[in-house]
């Protein structure tokens, strides 16, 4: 069976994540958005 590399990446534990970002959906969404687009969202079609 192959190992899921996402599960074994170094980073925040669940308690650390909740301590930093809370359990509210909005806080989680904002954190994921910043990680995905650290310089803001850019449209892949028009780069706008």
PDB file of N, CA and C in Angstrom:
ATOM      1  N   UNK A   1       0.842  -1.175   0.000  1.00  0.00           N
ATOM      2  CA  UNK A   1       0.000   0.000   0.000  1.00  0.00           C
ATOM      3  C   UNK A   1       0.890   1.242   0.000  1.00  0.00           C
ATOM      4  N   UNK A   2       0.566   2.217  -0.833  1.00  0.00           N
ATOM      5  CA  UNK A   2       1.372   3.431  -0.904  1.00  0.00           C
ATOM      6  C   UNK A   2       1.045   4.359   0.266  1.00  0.00           C
ATOM      7  N   UNK A   3       2.018   5.182   0.599  1.00  0.00           N
ATOM      8  CA  UNK A   3       1.855   6.131   1.694  1.00  0.00           C
ATOM      9  C   UNK A   3       1.328   7.442   1.131  1.00  0.00           C
ATOM     10  N   UNK A   4       0.325   7.986   1.772  1.00  0.00           N
ATOM     11  CA  UNK A   4      -0.212   9.286   1.392  1.00  0.00           C
ATOM     12  C   UNK A   4       0.743  10.351   1.923  1.00  0.00           C
ATOM     13  N   UNK A   5       1.497  10.988   1.028  1.00  0.00           N
ATOM     14  CA  UNK A   5       2.528  11.933   1.462  1.00  0.00           C
ATOM     15  C   UNK A   5       1.946  13.176   2.116  1.00  0.00           C
ATOM     16  N   UNK A   6       0.705  13.526   1.795  1.00  0.00           N
ATOM     17  CA  UNK A   6       0.097  14.698   2.421  1.00  0.00           C
ATOM     18  C   UNK A   6      -0.043  14.483   3.920  1.00  0.00           C
ATOM     19  N   UNK A   7      -0.360  13.273   4.325  1.00  0.00           N
ATOM     20  CA  UNK A   7      -0.544  12.988   5.739  1.00  0.00           C
ATOM     21  C   UNK A   7       0.764  13.045   6.515  1.00  0.00           C
ATOM     22  N   UNK A   8       1.886  12.922   5.844  1.00  0.00           N
ATOM     23  CA  UNK A   8       3.163  12.850   6.535  1.00  0.00           C
ATOM     24  C   UNK A   8       4.027  14.085   6.334  1.00  0.00           C
ATOM     25  N   UNK A   9       3.448  15.178   5.864  1.00  0.00           N
ATOM     26  CA  UNK A   9       4.205  16.408   5.710  1.00  0.00           C
ATOM     27  C   UNK A   9       4.375  17.084   7.062  1.00  0.00           C
ATOM     28  N   UNK A  10       5.549  17.686   7.227  1.00  0.00           N
ATOM     29  CA  UNK A  10       5.777  18.436   8.465  1.00  0.00           C
ATOM     30  C   UNK A  10       4.896  19.673   8.467  1.00  0.00           C
ATOM     31  N   UNK A  11       4.413  20.057   9.617  1.00  0.00           N
ATOM     32  CA  UNK A  11       3.571  21.246   9.700  1.00  0.00           C
ATOM     33  C   UNK A  11       2.894  21.322  11.048  1.00  0.00           C
ATOM     34  N   UNK A  12       1.765  21.959  11.069  1.00  0.00           N
ATOM     35  CA  UNK A  12       1.025  22.140  12.301  1.00  0.00           C
ATOM     36  C   UNK A  12       0.243  20.885  12.663  1.00  0.00           C
ATOM     37  N   UNK A  13       0.226  20.579  13.944  1.00  0.00           N
ATOM     38  CA  UNK A  13      -0.653  19.514  14.414  1.00  0.00           C
ATOM     39  C   UNK A  13      -2.065  20.091  14.488  1.00  0.00           C
ATOM     40  N   UNK A  14      -3.048  19.253  14.638  1.00  0.00           N
ATOM     41  CA  UNK A  14      -4.424  19.745  14.728  1.00  0.00           C
ATOM     42  C   UNK A  14      -4.600  20.707  15.902  1.00  0.00           C
ATOM     43  N   UNK A  15      -4.102  20.384  17.109  1.00  0.00           N
ATOM     44  CA  UNK A  15      -4.242  21.352  18.209  1.00  0.00           C
ATOM     45  C   UNK A  15      -3.546  22.684  17.914  1.00  0.00           C
ATOM     46  N   UNK A  16      -2.378  22.641  17.267  1.00  0.00           N
ATOM     47  CA  UNK A  16      -1.679  23.877  16.910  1.00  0.00           C
ATOM     48  C   UNK A  16      -2.479  24.670  15.880  1.00  0.00           C
ATOM     49  N   UNK A  17      -3.049  23.973  14.910  1.00  0.00           N
ATOM     50  CA  UNK A  17      -3.862  24.640  13.892  1.00  0.00           C
ATOM     51  C   UNK A  17      -5.058  25.331  14.533  1.00  0.00           C
ATOM     52  N   UNK A  18      -5.773  24.615  15.404  1.00  0.00           N
ATOM     53  CA  UNK A  18      -6.945  25.202  16.047  1.00  0.00           C
ATOM     54  C   UNK A  18      -6.565  26.352  16.967  1.00  0.00           C
ATOM     55  N   UNK A  19      -5.411  26.260  17.624  1.00  0.00           N
ATOM     56  CA  UNK A  19      -4.959  27.354  18.486  1.00  0.00           C
ATOM     57  C   UNK A  19      -4.657  28.600  17.663  1.00  0.00           C
ATOM     58  N   UNK A  20      -4.110  28.423  16.475  1.00  0.00           N
ATOM     59  CA  UNK A  20      -3.750  29.558  15.627  1.00  0.00           C
ATOM     60  C   UNK A  20      -4.936  30.113  14.851  1.00  0.00           C
ATOM     61  N   UNK A  21      -5.788  29.228  14.355  1.00  0.00           N
ATOM     62  CA  UNK A  21      -6.829  29.651  13.424  1.00  0.00           C
ATOM     63  C   UNK A  21      -8.244  29.430  13.927  1.00  0.00           C
ATOM     64  N   UNK A  22      -8.396  28.842  15.082  1.00  0.00           N
ATOM     65  CA  UNK A  22      -9.731  28.610  15.615  1.00  0.00           C
ATOM     66  C   UNK A  22     -10.444  27.488  14.887  1.00  0.00           C
ATOM     67  N   UNK A  23     -11.655  27.244  15.310  1.00  0.00           N
ATOM     68  CA  UNK A  23     -12.442  26.181  14.690  1.00  0.00           C
ATOM     69  C   UNK A  23     -13.527  26.743  13.787  1.00  0.00           C
ATOM     70  N   UNK A  24     -13.610  28.048  13.681  1.00  0.00           N
ATOM     71  CA  UNK A  24     -14.645  28.653  12.861  1.00  0.00           C
ATOM     72  C   UNK A  24     -14.312  28.491  11.380  1.00  0.00           C
ATOM     73  N   UNK A  25     -15.332  28.242  10.589  1.00  0.00           N
ATOM     74  CA  UNK A  25     -15.141  28.010   9.157  1.00  0.00           C
ATOM     75  C   UNK A  25     -14.505  29.211   8.471  1.00  0.00           C
ATOM     76  N   UNK A  26     -14.858  30.409   8.876  1.00  0.00           N
ATOM     77  CA  UNK A  26     -14.309  31.605   8.235  1.00  0.00           C
ATOM     78  C   UNK A  26     -12.811  31.719   8.460  1.00  0.00           C
ATOM     79  N   UNK A  27     -12.360  31.470   9.679  1.00  0.00           N
ATOM     80  CA  UNK A  27     -10.926  31.541   9.968  1.00  0.00           C
ATOM     81  C   UNK A  27     -10.166  30.492   9.171  1.00  0.00           C
ATOM     82  N   UNK A  28     -10.721  29.302   9.090  1.00  0.00           N
ATOM     83  CA  UNK A  28     -10.085  28.223   8.337  1.00  0.00           C
ATOM     84  C   UNK A  28     -10.022  28.588   6.858  1.00  0.00           C
ATOM     85  N   UNK A  29     -11.120  29.095   6.324  1.00  0.00           N
ATOM     86  CA  UNK A  29     -11.171  29.486   4.918  1.00  0.00           C
ATOM     87  C   UNK A  29     -10.110  30.538   4.612  1.00  0.00           C
ATOM     88  N   UNK A  30      -9.992  31.541   5.464  1.00  0.00           N
ATOM     89  CA  UNK A  30      -9.007  32.603   5.239  1.00  0.00           C
ATOM     90  C   UNK A  30      -7.586  32.062   5.279  1.00  0.00           C
ATOM     91  N   UNK A  31      -7.316  31.152   6.206  1.00  0.00           N
ATOM     92  CA  UNK A  31      -5.978  30.559   6.299  1.00  0.00           C
ATOM     93  C   UNK A  31      -5.654  29.766   5.039  1.00  0.00           C
ATOM     94  N   UNK A  32      -6.583  28.947   4.584  1.00  0.00           N
ATOM     95  CA  UNK A  32      -6.356  28.155   3.376  1.00  0.00           C
ATOM     96  C   UNK A  32      -6.191  29.051   2.152  1.00  0.00           C
ATOM     97  N   UNK A  33      -6.963  30.121   2.092  1.00  0.00           N
ATOM     98  CA  UNK A  33      -6.860  31.072   0.979  1.00  0.00           C
ATOM     99  C   UNK A  33      -5.472  31.705   0.957  1.00  0.00           C
ATOM    100  N   UNK A  34      -4.969  32.136   2.112  1.00  0.00           N
ATOM    101  CA  UNK A  34      -3.634  32.748   2.177  1.00  0.00           C
ATOM    102  C   UNK A  34      -2.550  31.758   1.789  1.00  0.00           C
ATOM    103  N   UNK A  35      -2.703  30.493   2.174  1.00  0.00           N
ATOM    104  CA  UNK A  35      -1.701  29.481   1.818  1.00  0.00           C
ATOM    105  C   UNK A  35      -1.727  29.195   0.321  1.00  0.00           C
ATOM    106  N   UNK A  36      -2.925  29.163  -0.262  1.00  0.00           N
ATOM    107  CA  UNK A  36      -3.059  28.828  -1.684  1.00  0.00           C
ATOM    108  C   UNK A  36      -2.623  29.985  -2.571  1.00  0.00           C
ATOM    109  N   UNK A  37      -2.998  31.207  -2.196  1.00  0.00           N
ATOM    110  CA  UNK A  37      -2.684  32.401  -2.985  1.00  0.00           C
ATOM    111  C   UNK A  37      -2.016  33.444  -2.089  1.00  0.00           C
ATOM    112  N   UNK A  38      -0.737  33.255  -1.731  1.00  0.00           N
ATOM    113  CA  UNK A  38      -0.080  34.178  -0.795  1.00  0.00           C
ATOM    114  C   UNK A  38       0.017  35.609  -1.313  1.00  0.00           C
ATOM    115  N   UNK A  39      -0.047  35.811  -2.616  1.00  0.00           N
ATOM    116  CA  UNK A  39       0.037  37.157  -3.190  1.00  0.00           C
ATOM    117  C   UNK A  39      -1.313  37.609  -3.741  1.00  0.00           C
ATOM    118  N   UNK A  40      -2.387  36.971  -3.302  1.00  0.00           N
ATOM    119  CA  UNK A  40      -3.724  37.294  -3.777  1.00  0.00           C
ATOM    120  C   UNK A  40      -4.117  36.404  -4.944  1.00  0.00           C
ATOM    121  N   UNK A  41      -5.408  36.299  -5.162  1.00  0.00           N
ATOM    122  CA  UNK A  41      -5.926  35.442  -6.222  1.00  0.00           C
ATOM    123  C   UNK A  41      -5.645  36.054  -7.587  1.00  0.00           C
ATOM    124  N   UNK A  42      -5.217  35.224  -8.505  1.00  0.00           N
ATOM    125  CA  UNK A  42      -5.019  35.615  -9.906  1.00  0.00           C
ATOM    126  C   UNK A  42      -5.805  34.648 -10.773  1.00  0.00           C
ATOM    127  N   UNK A  43      -6.601  35.185 -11.678  1.00  0.00           N
ATOM    128  CA  UNK A  43      -7.371  34.361 -12.602  1.00  0.00           C
ATOM    129  C   UNK A  43      -6.399  33.610 -13.508  1.00  0.00           C
ATOM    130  N   UNK A  44      -6.530  32.285 -13.628  1.00  0.00           N
ATOM    131  CA  UNK A  44      -5.614  31.529 -14.478  1.00  0.00           C
ATOM    132  C   UNK A  44      -5.769  31.855 -15.967  1.00  0.00           C
ATOM    133  N   UNK A  45      -6.921  32.375 -16.362  1.00  0.00           N
ATOM    134  CA  UNK A  45      -7.138  32.720 -17.771  1.00  0.00           C
ATOM    135  C   UNK A  45      -6.559  34.076 -18.137  1.00  0.00           C
ATOM    136  N   UNK A  46      -6.946  35.088 -17.365  1.00  0.00           N
ATOM    137  CA  UNK A  46      -6.555  36.445 -17.753  1.00  0.00           C
ATOM    138  C   UNK A  46      -5.483  37.044 -16.848  1.00  0.00           C
ATOM    139  N   UNK A  47      -5.094  36.325 -15.799  1.00  0.00           N
ATOM    140  CA  UNK A  47      -4.107  36.795 -14.816  1.00  0.00           C
ATOM    141  C   UNK A  47      -4.545  38.101 -14.156  1.00  0.00           C
ATOM    142  N   UNK A  48      -5.834  38.334 -14.114  1.00  0.00           N
ATOM    143  CA  UNK A  48      -6.372  39.554 -13.509  1.00  0.00           C
ATOM    144  C   UNK A  48      -6.830  39.366 -12.103  1.00  0.00           C
TER     145      UNK A  48
END
